[in-house]
Amino acid sequence: MLPDTNYYYGLIVFSPADVFVPVLTTYDKKGNIISDESLSIGDCNGGGPGINYCSAIGVINSDLTIYCADTLKTVDLDKTMKAIDGTKKYYCKFKKGKINKDGKIIMISEQKKSLK
């Protein structure tokens, strides 16, 4: 649970699925949902062929800004599931946001950045 405010409560829960996904939900003081947002990008969920490395992070700072990211190393595979030369990729997908004073969660759309 996030620190209490005069306007809302903030709670992080893991929603049940094939892979547990952290979800931030804010509630007004009467218990009604104000806003909810997944703290996962989702590229690391479940893995899959061609993913050599995957790391996920979600951070809520004391100023209530939010940063979520998945960092991946991937390679394209041929029909026999062998790596195709020259197709290695190393990148980070991320989204940022903030919890407003009224409890509304505002996130920017996901962005992708190539890494070396």
PDB file of N, CA and C in Angstrom:
ATOM      1  N   MET A   1       0.851  -1.168   0.000  1.00  0.00           N
ATOM      2  CA  MET A   1       0.000   0.000   0.000  1.00  0.00           C
ATOM      3  C   MET A   1       0.900   1.236   0.000  1.00  0.00           C
ATOM      4  N   LEU A   2       0.528   2.226  -0.820  1.00  0.00           N
ATOM      5  CA  LEU A   2       1.267   3.486  -0.851  1.00  0.00           C
ATOM      6  C   LEU A   2       0.875   4.323   0.363  1.00  0.00           C
ATOM      7  N   PRO A   3       1.701   5.302   0.734  1.00  0.00           N
ATOM      8  CA  PRO A   3       1.344   6.160   1.869  1.00  0.00           C
ATOM      9  C   PRO A   3      -0.022   6.821   1.651  1.00  0.00           C
ATOM     10  N   ASP A   4      -0.796   6.924   2.726  1.00  0.00           N
ATOM     11  CA  ASP A   4      -2.139   7.508   2.680  1.00  0.00           C
ATOM     12  C   ASP A   4      -2.061   8.996   2.343  1.00  0.00           C
ATOM     13  N   THR A   5      -3.058   9.466   1.589  1.00  0.00           N
ATOM     14  CA  THR A   5      -3.180  10.898   1.300  1.00  0.00           C
ATOM     15  C   THR A   5      -4.548  11.359   1.792  1.00  0.00           C
ATOM     16  N   ASN A   6      -4.818  12.652   1.701  1.00  0.00           N
ATOM     17  CA  ASN A   6      -6.123  13.180   2.099  1.00  0.00           C
ATOM     18  C   ASN A   6      -7.209  12.810   1.097  1.00  0.00           C
ATOM     19  N   TYR A   7      -6.825  12.404  -0.116  1.00  0.00           N
ATOM     20  CA  TYR A   7      -7.797  12.214  -1.188  1.00  0.00           C
ATOM     21  C   TYR A   7      -7.987  10.767  -1.631  1.00  0.00           C
ATOM     22  N   TYR A   8      -6.964   9.934  -1.520  1.00  0.00           N
ATOM     23  CA  TYR A   8      -7.056   8.578  -2.054  1.00  0.00           C
ATOM     24  C   TYR A   8      -6.114   7.621  -1.356  1.00  0.00           C
ATOM     25  N   TYR A   9      -6.351   6.327  -1.578  1.00  0.00           N
ATOM     26  CA  TYR A   9      -5.464   5.245  -1.178  1.00  0.00           C
ATOM     27  C   TYR A   9      -4.856   4.661  -2.449  1.00  0.00           C
ATOM     28  N   GLY A  10      -3.613   4.222  -2.379  1.00  0.00           N
ATOM     29  CA  GLY A  10      -2.968   3.549  -3.507  1.00  0.00           C
ATOM     30  C   GLY A  10      -2.528   2.161  -3.092  1.00  0.00           C
ATOM     31  N   LEU A  11      -2.845   1.174  -3.913  1.00  0.00           N
ATOM     32  CA  LEU A  11      -2.551  -0.208  -3.588  1.00  0.00           C
ATOM     33  C   LEU A  11      -1.968  -0.914  -4.808  1.00  0.00           C
ATOM     34  N   ILE A  12      -0.900  -1.673  -4.604  1.00  0.00           N
ATOM     35  CA  ILE A  12      -0.321  -2.484  -5.677  1.00  0.00           C
ATOM     36  C   ILE A  12      -0.698  -3.931  -5.395  1.00  0.00           C
ATOM     37  N   VAL A  13      -1.313  -4.579  -6.379  1.00  0.00           N
ATOM     38  CA  VAL A  13      -1.686  -5.986  -6.246  1.00  0.00           C
ATOM     39  C   VAL A  13      -1.153  -6.743  -7.458  1.00  0.00           C
ATOM     40  N   PHE A  14      -1.009  -8.049  -7.305  1.00  0.00           N
ATOM     41  CA  PHE A  14      -0.605  -8.888  -8.423  1.00  0.00           C
ATOM     42  C   PHE A  14      -1.849  -9.550  -8.973  1.00  0.00           C
ATOM     43  N   SER A  15      -2.206  -9.192 -10.202  1.00  0.00           N
ATOM     44  CA  SER A  15      -3.411  -9.747 -10.799  1.00  0.00           C
ATOM     45  C   SER A  15      -3.120 -11.168 -11.258  1.00  0.00           C
ATOM     46  N   PRO A  16      -4.027 -12.097 -10.937  1.00  0.00           N
ATOM     47  CA  PRO A  16      -3.782 -13.494 -11.332  1.00  0.00           C
ATOM     48  C   PRO A  16      -3.914 -13.676 -12.839  1.00  0.00           C
ATOM     49  N   ALA A  17      -2.957 -14.384 -13.390  1.00  0.00           N
ATOM     50  CA  ALA A  17      -2.933 -14.709 -14.819  1.00  0.00           C
ATOM     51  C   ALA A  17      -1.892 -15.810 -14.987  1.00  0.00           C
ATOM     52  N   ASP A  18      -1.519 -16.114 -16.219  1.00  0.00           N
ATOM     53  CA  ASP A  18      -0.452 -17.091 -16.432  1.00  0.00           C
ATOM     54  C   ASP A  18       0.836 -16.612 -15.780  1.00  0.00           C
ATOM     55  N   VAL A  19       1.054 -15.300 -15.834  1.00  0.00           N
ATOM     56  CA  VAL A  19       2.187 -14.657 -15.182  1.00  0.00           C
ATOM     57  C   VAL A  19       1.606 -13.538 -14.328  1.00  0.00           C
ATOM     58  N   PHE A  20       1.976 -13.479 -13.045  1.00  0.00           N
ATOM     59  CA  PHE A  20       1.437 -12.445 -12.176  1.00  0.00           C
ATOM     60  C   PHE A  20       1.929 -11.071 -12.602  1.00  0.00           C
ATOM     61  N   VAL A  21       1.006 -10.138 -12.773  1.00  0.00           N
ATOM     62  CA  VAL A  21       1.318  -8.797 -13.253  1.00  0.00           C
ATOM     63  C   VAL A  21       0.973  -7.795 -12.152  1.00  0.00           C
ATOM     64  N   PRO A  22       1.927  -6.931 -11.762  1.00  0.00           N
ATOM     65  CA  PRO A  22       1.611  -5.929 -10.739  1.00  0.00           C
ATOM     66  C   PRO A  22       0.714  -4.831 -11.314  1.00  0.00           C
ATOM     67  N   VAL A  23      -0.350  -4.506 -10.580  1.00  0.00           N
ATOM     68  CA  VAL A  23      -1.295  -3.475 -10.994  1.00  0.00           C
ATOM     69  C   VAL A  23      -1.426  -2.465  -9.859  1.00  0.00           C
ATOM     70  N   LEU A  24      -1.273  -1.187 -10.196  1.00  0.00           N
ATOM     71  CA  LEU A  24      -1.473  -0.102  -9.235  1.00  0.00           C
ATOM     72  C   LEU A  24      -2.911   0.384  -9.370  1.00  0.00           C
ATOM     73  N   THR A  25      -3.644   0.393  -8.264  1.00  0.00           N
ATOM     74  CA  THR A  25      -5.027   0.876  -8.257  1.00  0.00           C
ATOM     75  C   THR A  25      -5.164   1.941  -7.183  1.00  0.00           C
ATOM     76  N   THR A  26      -5.846   3.039  -7.519  1.00  0.00           N
ATOM     77  CA  THR A  26      -6.130   4.077  -6.529  1.00  0.00           C
ATOM     78  C   THR A  26      -7.625   4.068  -6.235  1.00  0.00           C
ATOM     79  N   TYR A  27      -7.946   4.324  -4.965  1.00  0.00           N
ATOM     80  CA  TYR A  27      -9.324   4.322  -4.476  1.00  0.00           C
ATOM     81  C   TYR A  27      -9.607   5.631  -3.753  1.00  0.00           C
ATOM     82  N   ASP A  28     -10.843   6.125  -3.888  1.00  0.00           N
ATOM     83  CA  ASP A  28     -11.222   7.285  -3.094  1.00  0.00           C
ATOM     84  C   ASP A  28     -11.449   6.822  -1.659  1.00  0.00           C
ATOM     85  N   LYS A  29     -11.722   7.744  -0.757  1.00  0.00           N
ATOM     86  CA  LYS A  29     -11.852   7.420   0.657  1.00  0.00           C
ATOM     87  C   LYS A  29     -13.099   6.588   0.970  1.00  0.00           C
ATOM     88  N   LYS A  30     -13.997   6.448   0.005  1.00  0.00           N
ATOM     89  CA  LYS A  30     -15.174   5.596   0.189  1.00  0.00           C
ATOM     90  C   LYS A  30     -14.953   4.197  -0.377  1.00  0.00           C
ATOM     91  N   GLY A  31     -13.775   3.954  -0.985  1.00  0.00           N
ATOM     92  CA  GLY A  31     -13.447   2.636  -1.524  1.00  0.00           C
ATOM     93  C   GLY A  31     -13.762   2.446  -2.990  1.00  0.00           C
ATOM     94  N   ASN A  32     -14.161   3.527  -3.681  1.00  0.00           N
ATOM     95  CA  ASN A  32     -14.438   3.444  -5.121  1.00  0.00           C
ATOM     96  C   ASN A  32     -13.143   3.575  -5.908  1.00  0.00           C
ATOM     97  N   ILE A  33     -13.011   2.786  -6.984  1.00  0.00           N
ATOM     98  CA  ILE A  33     -11.807   2.852  -7.812  1.00  0.00           C
ATOM     99  C   ILE A  33     -11.761   4.183  -8.558  1.00  0.00           C
ATOM    100  N   ILE A  34     -10.611   4.852  -8.441  1.00  0.00           N
ATOM    101  CA  ILE A  34     -10.366   6.083  -9.205  1.00  0.00           C
ATOM    102  C   ILE A  34      -9.675   5.730 -10.510  1.00  0.00           C
ATOM    103  N   SER A  35      -8.633   4.900 -10.400  1.00  0.00           N
ATOM    104  CA  SER A  35      -7.793   4.621 -11.560  1.00  0.00           C
ATOM    105  C   SER A  35      -7.021   3.329 -11.313  1.00  0.00           C
ATOM    106  N   ASP A  36      -6.646   2.632 -12.391  1.00  0.00           N
ATOM    107  CA  ASP A  36      -5.733   1.493 -12.251  1.00  0.00           C
ATOM    108  C   ASP A  36      -4.850   1.396 -13.488  1.00  0.00           C
ATOM    109  N   GLU A  37      -3.663   0.866 -13.276  1.00  0.00           N
ATOM    110  CA  GLU A  37      -2.670   0.802 -14.346  1.00  0.00           C
ATOM    111  C   GLU A  37      -1.717  -0.363 -14.088  1.00  0.00           C
ATOM    112  N   SER A  38      -1.448  -1.141 -15.124  1.00  0.00           N
ATOM    113  CA  SER A  38      -0.465  -2.211 -15.031  1.00  0.00           C
ATOM    114  C   SER A  38       0.922  -1.592 -14.896  1.00  0.00           C
ATOM    115  N   LEU A  39       1.723  -2.149 -14.008  1.00  0.00           N
ATOM    116  CA  LEU A  39       3.106  -1.695 -13.848  1.00  0.00           C
ATOM    117  C   LEU A  39       4.058  -2.585 -14.633  1.00  0.00           C
ATOM    118  N   SER A  40       3.540  -3.269 -15.626  1.00  0.00           N
ATOM    119  CA  SER A  40       4.330  -4.176 -16.460  1.00  0.00           C
ATOM    120  C   SER A  40       4.227  -3.757 -17.918  1.00  0.00           C
ATOM    121  N   ILE A  41       5.312  -3.878 -18.633  1.00  0.00           N
ATOM    122  CA  ILE A  41       5.286  -3.662 -20.076  1.00  0.00           C
ATOM    123  C   ILE A  41       4.741  -4.920 -20.743  1.00  0.00           C
ATOM    124  N   GLY A  42       5.171  -6.075 -20.278  1.00  0.00           N
ATOM    125  CA  GLY A  42       4.622  -7.333 -20.768  1.00  0.00           C
ATOM    126  C   GLY A  42       5.518  -8.124 -21.688  1.00  0.00           C
ATOM    127  N   ASP A  43       6.597  -7.552 -22.183  1.00  0.00           N
ATOM    128  CA  ASP A  43       7.463  -8.296 -23.102  1.00  0.00           C
ATOM    129  C   ASP A  43       8.196  -9.431 -22.397  1.00  0.00           C
ATOM    130  N   CYS A  44       8.425  -9.307 -21.091  1.00  0.00           N
ATOM    131  CA  CYS A  44       9.118 -10.363 -20.354  1.00  0.00           C
ATOM    132  C   CYS A  44       8.167 -11.468 -19.907  1.00  0.00           C
ATOM    133  N   ASN A  45       6.887 -11.218 -19.931  1.00  0.00           N
ATOM    134  CA  ASN A  45       5.919 -12.211 -19.463  1.00  0.00           C
ATOM    135  C   ASN A  45       5.892 -13.426 -20.379  1.00  0.00           C
ATOM    136  N   GLY A  46       6.169 -14.565 -19.810  1.00  0.00           N
ATOM    137  CA  GLY A  46       6.047 -15.806 -20.568  1.00  0.00           C
ATOM    138  C   GLY A  46       7.252 -16.192 -21.406  1.00  0.00           C
ATOM    139  N   GLY A  47       8.196 -15.292 -21.599  1.00  0.00           N
ATOM    140  CA  GLY A  47       9.368 -15.626 -22.398  1.00  0.00           C
ATOM    141  C   GLY A  47       9.004 -15.972 -23.823  1.00  0.00           C
ATOM    142  N   GLY A  48       9.692 -16.909 -24.378  1.00  0.00           N
ATOM    143  CA  GLY A  48       9.377 -17.344 -25.731  1.00  0.00           C
ATOM    144  C   GLY A  48      10.632 -17.543 -26.541  1.00  0.00           C
ATOM    145  N   PRO A  49      10.479 -18.153 -27.721  1.00  0.00           N
ATOM    146  CA  PRO A  49      11.649 -18.388 -28.561  1.00  0.00           C
ATOM    147  C   PRO A  49      12.273 -17.073 -29.011  1.00  0.00           C
ATOM    148  N   GLY A  50      13.559 -17.040 -29.010  1.00  0.00           N
ATOM    149  CA  GLY A  50      14.282 -15.870 -29.497  1.00  0.00           C
ATOM    150  C   GLY A  50      14.626 -14.860 -28.417  1.00  0.00           C
ATOM    151  N   ILE A  51      14.094 -15.035 -27.205  1.00  0.00           N
ATOM    152  CA  ILE A  51      14.457 -14.117 -26.112  1.00  0.00           C
ATOM    153  C   ILE A  51      15.613 -14.741 -25.348  1.00  0.00           C
ATOM    154  N   ASN A  52      16.766 -14.066 -25.390  1.00  0.00           N
ATOM    155  CA  ASN A  52      17.955 -14.561 -24.711  1.00  0.00           C
ATOM    156  C   ASN A  52      18.093 -14.000 -23.304  1.00  0.00           C
ATOM    157  N   TYR A  53      17.507 -12.835 -23.079  1.00  0.00           N
ATOM    158  CA  TYR A  53      17.593 -12.172 -21.766  1.00  0.00           C
ATOM    159  C   TYR A  53      16.405 -11.234 -21.635  1.00  0.00           C
ATOM    160  N   CYS A  54      15.848 -11.168 -20.430  1.00  0.00           N
ATOM    161  CA  CYS A  54      14.755 -10.242 -20.188  1.00  0.00           C
ATOM    162  C   CYS A  54      14.748  -9.842 -18.717  1.00  0.00           C
ATOM    163  N   SER A  55      14.624  -8.555 -18.458  1.00  0.00           N
ATOM    164  CA  SER A  55      14.571  -8.033 -17.105  1.00  0.00           C
ATOM    165  C   SER A  55      13.475  -6.980 -17.030  1.00  0.00           C
ATOM    166  N   ALA A  56      12.621  -7.059 -16.017  1.00  0.00           N
ATOM    167  CA  ALA A  56      11.520  -6.111 -15.866  1.00  0.00           C
ATOM    168  C   ALA A  56      11.653  -5.360 -14.547  1.00  0.00           C
ATOM    169  N   ILE A  57      11.256  -4.086 -14.558  1.00  0.00           N
ATOM    170  CA  ILE A  57      11.304  -3.263 -13.353  1.00  0.00           C
ATOM    171  C   ILE A  57      10.116  -2.297 -13.356  1.00  0.00           C
ATOM    172  N   GLY A  58       9.612  -2.019 -12.181  1.00  0.00           N
ATOM    173  CA  GLY A  58       8.576  -1.008 -12.006  1.00  0.00           C
ATOM    174  C   GLY A  58       8.888  -0.229 -10.741  1.00  0.00           C
ATOM    175  N   VAL A  59       8.930   1.095 -10.826  1.00  0.00           N
ATOM    176  CA  VAL A  59       9.307   1.933  -9.684  1.00  0.00           C
ATOM    177  C   VAL A  59       8.281   3.038  -9.503  1.00  0.00           C
ATOM    178  N   ILE A  60       7.856   3.240  -8.261  1.00  0.00           N
ATOM    179  CA  ILE A  60       7.048   4.401  -7.904  1.00  0.00           C
ATOM    180  C   ILE A  60       7.887   5.218  -6.934  1.00  0.00           C
ATOM    181  N   ASN A  61       8.264   6.424  -7.349  1.00  0.00           N
ATOM    182  CA  ASN A  61       9.121   7.285  -6.541  1.00  0.00           C
ATOM    183  C   ASN A  61       8.315   8.034  -5.481  1.00  0.00           C
ATOM    184  N   SER A  62       9.018   8.638  -4.513  1.00  0.00           N
ATOM    185  CA  SER A  62       8.338   9.355  -3.428  1.00  0.00           C
ATOM    186  C   SER A  62       7.527  10.553  -3.927  1.00  0.00           C
ATOM    187  N   ASP A  63       7.875  11.105  -5.107  1.00  0.00           N
ATOM    188  CA  ASP A  63       7.089  12.204  -5.684  1.00  0.00           C
ATOM    189  C   ASP A  63       5.922  11.678  -6.529  1.00  0.00           C
ATOM    190  N   LEU A  64       5.689  10.354  -6.457  1.00  0.00           N
ATOM    191  CA  LEU A  64       4.603   9.643  -7.134  1.00  0.00           C
ATOM    192  C   LEU A  64       4.758   9.579  -8.655  1.00  0.00           C
ATOM    193  N   THR A  65       5.978   9.781  -9.162  1.00  0.00           N
ATOM    194  CA  THR A  65       6.249   9.500 -10.566  1.00  0.00           C
ATOM    195  C   THR A  65       6.477   7.994 -10.692  1.00  0.00           C
ATOM    196  N   ILE A  66       6.161   7.477 -11.880  1.00  0.00           N
ATOM    197  CA  ILE A  66       6.207   6.039 -12.125  1.00  0.00           C
ATOM    198  C   ILE A  66       7.125   5.770 -13.323  1.00  0.00           C
ATOM    199  N   TYR A  67       7.933   4.712 -13.220  1.00  0.00           N
ATOM    200  CA  TYR A  67       8.772   4.278 -14.328  1.00  0.00           C
ATOM    201  C   TYR A  67       8.703   2.754 -14.398  1.00  0.00           C
ATOM    202  N   CYS A  68       8.349   2.223 -15.557  1.00  0.00           N
ATOM    203  CA  CYS A  68       8.294   0.778 -15.792  1.00  0.00           C
ATOM    204  C   CYS A  68       9.099   0.460 -17.043  1.00  0.00           C
ATOM    205  N   ALA A  69       9.869  -0.626 -17.010  1.00  0.00           N
ATOM    206  CA  ALA A  69      10.691  -0.959 -18.174  1.00  0.00           C
ATOM    207  C   ALA A  69      10.928  -2.455 -18.279  1.00  0.00           C
ATOM    208  N   ASP A  70      11.029  -2.929 -19.507  1.00  0.00           N
ATOM    209  CA  ASP A  70      11.498  -4.273 -19.833  1.00  0.00           C
ATOM    210  C   ASP A  70      12.736  -4.104 -20.695  1.00  0.00           C
ATOM    211  N   THR A  71      13.813  -4.773 -20.334  1.00  0.00           N
ATOM    212  CA  THR A  71      15.040  -4.747 -21.114  1.00  0.00           C
ATOM    213  C   THR A  71      15.243  -6.151 -21.683  1.00  0.00           C
ATOM    214  N   LEU A  72      15.420  -6.216 -22.997  1.00  0.00           N
ATOM    215  CA  LEU A  72      15.472  -7.516 -23.669  1.00  0.00           C
ATOM    216  C   LEU A  72      16.650  -7.645 -24.623  1.00  0.00           C
ATOM    217  N   LYS A  73      17.147  -8.874 -24.754  1.00  0.00           N
ATOM    218  CA  LYS A  73      18.066  -9.271 -25.820  1.00  0.00           C
ATOM    219  C   LYS A  73      17.337 -10.363 -26.589  1.00  0.00           C
ATOM    220  N   THR A  74      17.165 -10.144 -27.888  1.00  0.00           N
ATOM    221  CA  THR A  74      16.426 -11.111 -28.709  1.00  0.00           C
ATOM    222  C   THR A  74      17.203 -11.429 -29.981  1.00  0.00           C
ATOM    223  N   VAL A  75      16.758 -12.487 -30.645  1.00  0.00           N
ATOM    224  CA  VAL A  75      17.301 -12.866 -31.941  1.00  0.00           C
ATOM    225  C   VAL A  75      16.166 -13.503 -32.738  1.00  0.00           C
ATOM    226  N   ASP A  76      16.139 -13.256 -34.029  1.00  0.00           N
ATOM    227  CA  ASP A  76      15.153 -13.903 -34.891  1.00  0.00           C
ATOM    228  C   ASP A  76      15.590 -15.347 -35.141  1.00  0.00           C
ATOM    229  N   LEU A  77      14.598 -16.233 -35.279  1.00  0.00           N
ATOM    230  CA  LEU A  77      14.874 -17.651 -35.474  1.00  0.00           C
ATOM    231  C   LEU A  77      14.352 -18.116 -36.829  1.00  0.00           C
ATOM    232  N   ASP A  78      15.045 -19.103 -37.406  1.00  0.00           N
ATOM    233  CA  ASP A  78      14.555 -19.682 -38.663  1.00  0.00           C
ATOM    234  C   ASP A  78      13.544 -20.784 -38.339  1.00  0.00           C
ATOM    235  N   LYS A  79      13.092 -21.505 -39.364  1.00  0.00           N
ATOM    236  CA  LYS A  79      12.070 -22.552 -39.182  1.00  0.00           C
ATOM    237  C   LYS A  79      12.526 -23.678 -38.269  1.00  0.00           C
ATOM    238  N   THR A  80      13.850 -23.885 -38.196  1.00  0.00           N
ATOM    239  CA  THR A  80      14.382 -24.957 -37.348  1.00  0.00           C
ATOM    240  C   THR A  80      14.755 -24.450 -35.955  1.00  0.00           C
ATOM    241  N   MET A  81      14.343 -23.204 -35.648  1.00  0.00           N
ATOM    242  CA  MET A  81      14.583 -22.573 -34.342  1.00  0.00           C
ATOM    243  C   MET A  81      16.056 -22.254 -34.083  1.00  0.00           C
ATOM    244  N   LYS A  82      16.826 -22.053 -35.164  1.00  0.00           N
ATOM    245  CA  LYS A  82      18.219 -21.638 -35.032  1.00  0.00           C
ATOM    246  C   LYS A  82      18.293 -20.133 -35.228  1.00  0.00           C
ATOM    247  N   ALA A  83      19.195 -19.500 -34.498  1.00  0.00           N
ATOM    248  CA  ALA A  83      19.370 -18.047 -34.591  1.00  0.00           C
ATOM    249  C   ALA A  83      19.802 -17.645 -35.996  1.00  0.00           C
ATOM    250  N   ILE A  84      19.201 -16.571 -36.486  1.00  0.00           N
ATOM    251  CA  ILE A  84      19.567 -16.032 -37.794  1.00  0.00           C
ATOM    252  C   ILE A  84      20.658 -14.985 -37.578  1.00  0.00           C
ATOM    253  N   ASP A  85      21.803 -15.183 -38.243  1.00  0.00           N
ATOM    254  CA  ASP A  85      22.936 -14.253 -38.103  1.00  0.00           C
ATOM    255  C   ASP A  85      22.501 -12.818 -38.407  1.00  0.00           C
ATOM    256  N   GLY A  86      23.003 -11.890 -37.603  1.00  0.00           N
ATOM    257  CA  GLY A  86      22.767 -10.469 -37.848  1.00  0.00           C
ATOM    258  C   GLY A  86      21.413  -9.963 -37.370  1.00  0.00           C
ATOM    259  N   THR A  87      20.647 -10.771 -36.627  1.00  0.00           N
ATOM    260  CA  THR A  87      19.319 -10.316 -36.192  1.00  0.00           C
ATOM    261  C   THR A  87      19.237 -10.057 -34.681  1.00  0.00           C
ATOM    262  N   LYS A  88      20.390 -10.063 -34.018  1.00  0.00           N
ATOM    263  CA  LYS A  88      20.373  -9.810 -32.573  1.00  0.00           C
ATOM    264  C   LYS A  88      19.917  -8.378 -32.297  1.00  0.00           C
ATOM    265  N   LYS A  89      19.069  -8.226 -31.284  1.00  0.00           N
ATOM    266  CA  LYS A  89      18.586  -6.908 -30.869  1.00  0.00           C
ATOM    267  C   LYS A  89      18.701  -6.793 -29.351  1.00  0.00           C
ATOM    268  N   TYR A  90      19.057  -5.611 -28.893  1.00  0.00           N
ATOM    269  CA  TYR A  90      19.142  -5.317 -27.466  1.00  0.00           C
ATOM    270  C   TYR A  90      18.404  -4.004 -27.279  1.00  0.00           C
ATOM    271  N   TYR A  91      17.311  -4.027 -26.543  1.00  0.00           N
ATOM    272  CA  TYR A  91      16.490  -2.821 -26.433  1.00  0.00           C
ATOM    273  C   TYR A  91      15.750  -2.753 -25.101  1.00  0.00           C
ATOM    274  N   CYS A  92      15.218  -1.579 -24.838  1.00  0.00           N
ATOM    275  CA  CYS A  92      14.442  -1.319 -23.638  1.00  0.00           C
ATOM    276  C   CYS A  92      13.101  -0.725 -24.060  1.00  0.00           C
ATOM    277  N   LYS A  93      12.007  -1.307 -23.568  1.00  0.00           N
ATOM    278  CA  LYS A  93      10.681  -0.725 -23.747  1.00  0.00           C
ATOM    279  C   LYS A  93      10.270  -0.167 -22.388  1.00  0.00           C
ATOM    280  N   PHE A  94       9.768   1.074 -22.376  1.00  0.00           N
ATOM    281  CA  PHE A  94       9.449   1.687 -21.095  1.00  0.00           C
ATOM    282  C   PHE A  94       8.242   2.608 -21.204  1.00  0.00           C
ATOM    283  N   LYS A  95       7.680   2.915 -20.044  1.00  0.00           N
ATOM    284  CA  LYS A  95       6.625   3.915 -19.944  1.00  0.00           C
ATOM    285  C   LYS A  95       6.810   4.657 -18.634  1.00  0.00           C
ATOM    286  N   LYS A  96       6.399   5.912 -18.648  1.00  0.00           N
ATOM    287  CA  LYS A  96       6.511   6.774 -17.468  1.00  0.00           C
ATOM    288  C   LYS A  96       5.128   7.329 -17.145  1.00  0.00           C
ATOM    289  N   GLY A  97       4.976   7.769 -15.927  1.00  0.00           N
ATOM    290  CA  GLY A  97       3.704   8.362 -15.553  1.00  0.00           C
ATOM    291  C   GLY A  97       3.769   9.007 -14.192  1.00  0.00           C
ATOM    292  N   LYS A  98       2.589   9.305 -13.655  1.00  0.00           N
ATOM    293  CA  LYS A  98       2.490   9.970 -12.365  1.00  0.00           C
ATOM    294  C   LYS A  98       1.102   9.741 -11.789  1.00  0.00           C
ATOM    295  N   ILE A  99       1.032   9.715 -10.474  1.00  0.00           N
ATOM    296  CA  ILE A  99      -0.255   9.707  -9.792  1.00  0.00           C
ATOM    297  C   ILE A  99      -0.557  11.160  -9.440  1.00  0.00           C
ATOM    298  N   ASN A 100      -1.638  11.698 -10.003  1.00  0.00           N
ATOM    299  CA  ASN A 100      -2.028  13.082  -9.721  1.00  0.00           C
ATOM    300  C   ASN A 100      -2.534  13.217  -8.285  1.00  0.00           C
ATOM    301  N   LYS A 101      -2.653  14.446  -7.810  1.00  0.00           N
ATOM    302  CA  LYS A 101      -3.113  14.707  -6.444  1.00  0.00           C
ATOM    303  C   LYS A 101      -4.510  14.163  -6.181  1.00  0.00           C
ATOM    304  N   ASP A 102      -5.335  14.031  -7.240  1.00  0.00           N
ATOM    305  CA  ASP A 102      -6.696  13.506  -7.074  1.00  0.00           C
ATOM    306  C   ASP A 102      -6.752  11.973  -7.182  1.00  0.00           C
ATOM    307  N   GLY A 103      -5.579  11.309  -7.362  1.00  0.00           N
ATOM    308  CA  GLY A 103      -5.516   9.854  -7.435  1.00  0.00           C
ATOM    309  C   GLY A 103      -5.568   9.288  -8.836  1.00  0.00           C
ATOM    310  N   LYS A 104      -5.746  10.112  -9.852  1.00  0.00           N
ATOM    311  CA  LYS A 104      -5.776   9.646 -11.235  1.00  0.00           C
ATOM    312  C   LYS A 104      -4.353   9.290 -11.675  1.00  0.00           C
ATOM    313  N   ILE A 105      -4.207   8.093 -12.263  1.00  0.00           N
ATOM    314  CA  ILE A 105      -2.905   7.646 -12.768  1.00  0.00           C
ATOM    315  C   ILE A 105      -2.815   8.025 -14.237  1.00  0.00           C
ATOM    316  N   ILE A 106      -1.794   8.800 -14.590  1.00  0.00           N
ATOM    317  CA  ILE A 106      -1.583   9.243 -15.973  1.00  0.00           C
ATOM    318  C   ILE A 106      -0.273   8.633 -16.466  1.00  0.00           C
ATOM    319  N   MET A 107      -0.354   7.842 -17.552  1.00  0.00           N
ATOM    320  CA  MET A 107       0.839   7.216 -18.128  1.00  0.00           C
ATOM    321  C   MET A 107       1.000   7.672 -19.568  1.00  0.00           C
ATOM    322  N   ILE A 108       2.271   7.860 -19.995  1.00  0.00           N
ATOM    323  CA  ILE A 108       2.527   8.115 -21.412  1.00  0.00           C
ATOM    324  C   ILE A 108       2.587   6.769 -22.120  1.00  0.00           C
ATOM    325  N   SER A 109       2.417   6.759 -23.413  1.00  0.00           N
ATOM    326  CA  SER A 109       2.453   5.499 -24.154  1.00  0.00           C
ATOM    327  C   SER A 109       3.849   4.897 -24.098  1.00  0.00           C
ATOM    328  N   GLU A 110       3.900   3.594 -24.330  1.00  0.00           N
ATOM    329  CA  GLU A 110       5.177   2.892 -24.302  1.00  0.00           C
ATOM    330  C   GLU A 110       6.115   3.439 -25.358  1.00  0.00           C
ATOM    331  N   GLN A 111       7.399   3.449 -25.018  1.00  0.00           N
ATOM    332  CA  GLN A 111       8.444   3.868 -25.936  1.00  0.00           C
ATOM    333  C   GLN A 111       9.490   2.771 -26.002  1.00  0.00           C
ATOM    334  N   LYS A 112      10.256   2.769 -27.082  1.00  0.00           N
ATOM    335  CA  LYS A 112      11.279   1.756 -27.261  1.00  0.00           C
ATOM    336  C   LYS A 112      12.595   2.440 -27.585  1.00  0.00           C
ATOM    337  N   LYS A 113      13.672   1.970 -26.940  1.00  0.00           N
ATOM    338  CA  LYS A 113      14.999   2.544 -27.190  1.00  0.00           C
ATOM    339  C   LYS A 113      15.973   1.407 -27.428  1.00  0.00           C
ATOM    340  N   SER A 114      16.717   1.488 -28.545  1.00  0.00           N
ATOM    341  CA  SER A 114      17.761   0.497 -28.822  1.00  0.00           C
ATOM    342  C   SER A 114      18.933   0.710 -27.892  1.00  0.00           C
ATOM    343  N   LEU A 115      19.531  -0.370 -27.456  1.00  0.00           N
ATOM    344  CA  LEU A 115      20.706  -0.327 -26.583  1.00  0.00           C
ATOM    345  C   LEU A 115      21.866  -0.988 -27.314  1.00  0.00           C
ATOM    346  N   LYS A 116      23.060  -0.700 -26.894  1.00  0.00           N
ATOM    347  CA  LYS A 116      24.243  -1.297 -27.529  1.00  0.00           C
ATOM    348  C   LYS A 116      24.867  -2.322 -26.652  1.00  0.00           C
TER     349      LYS A 116
END
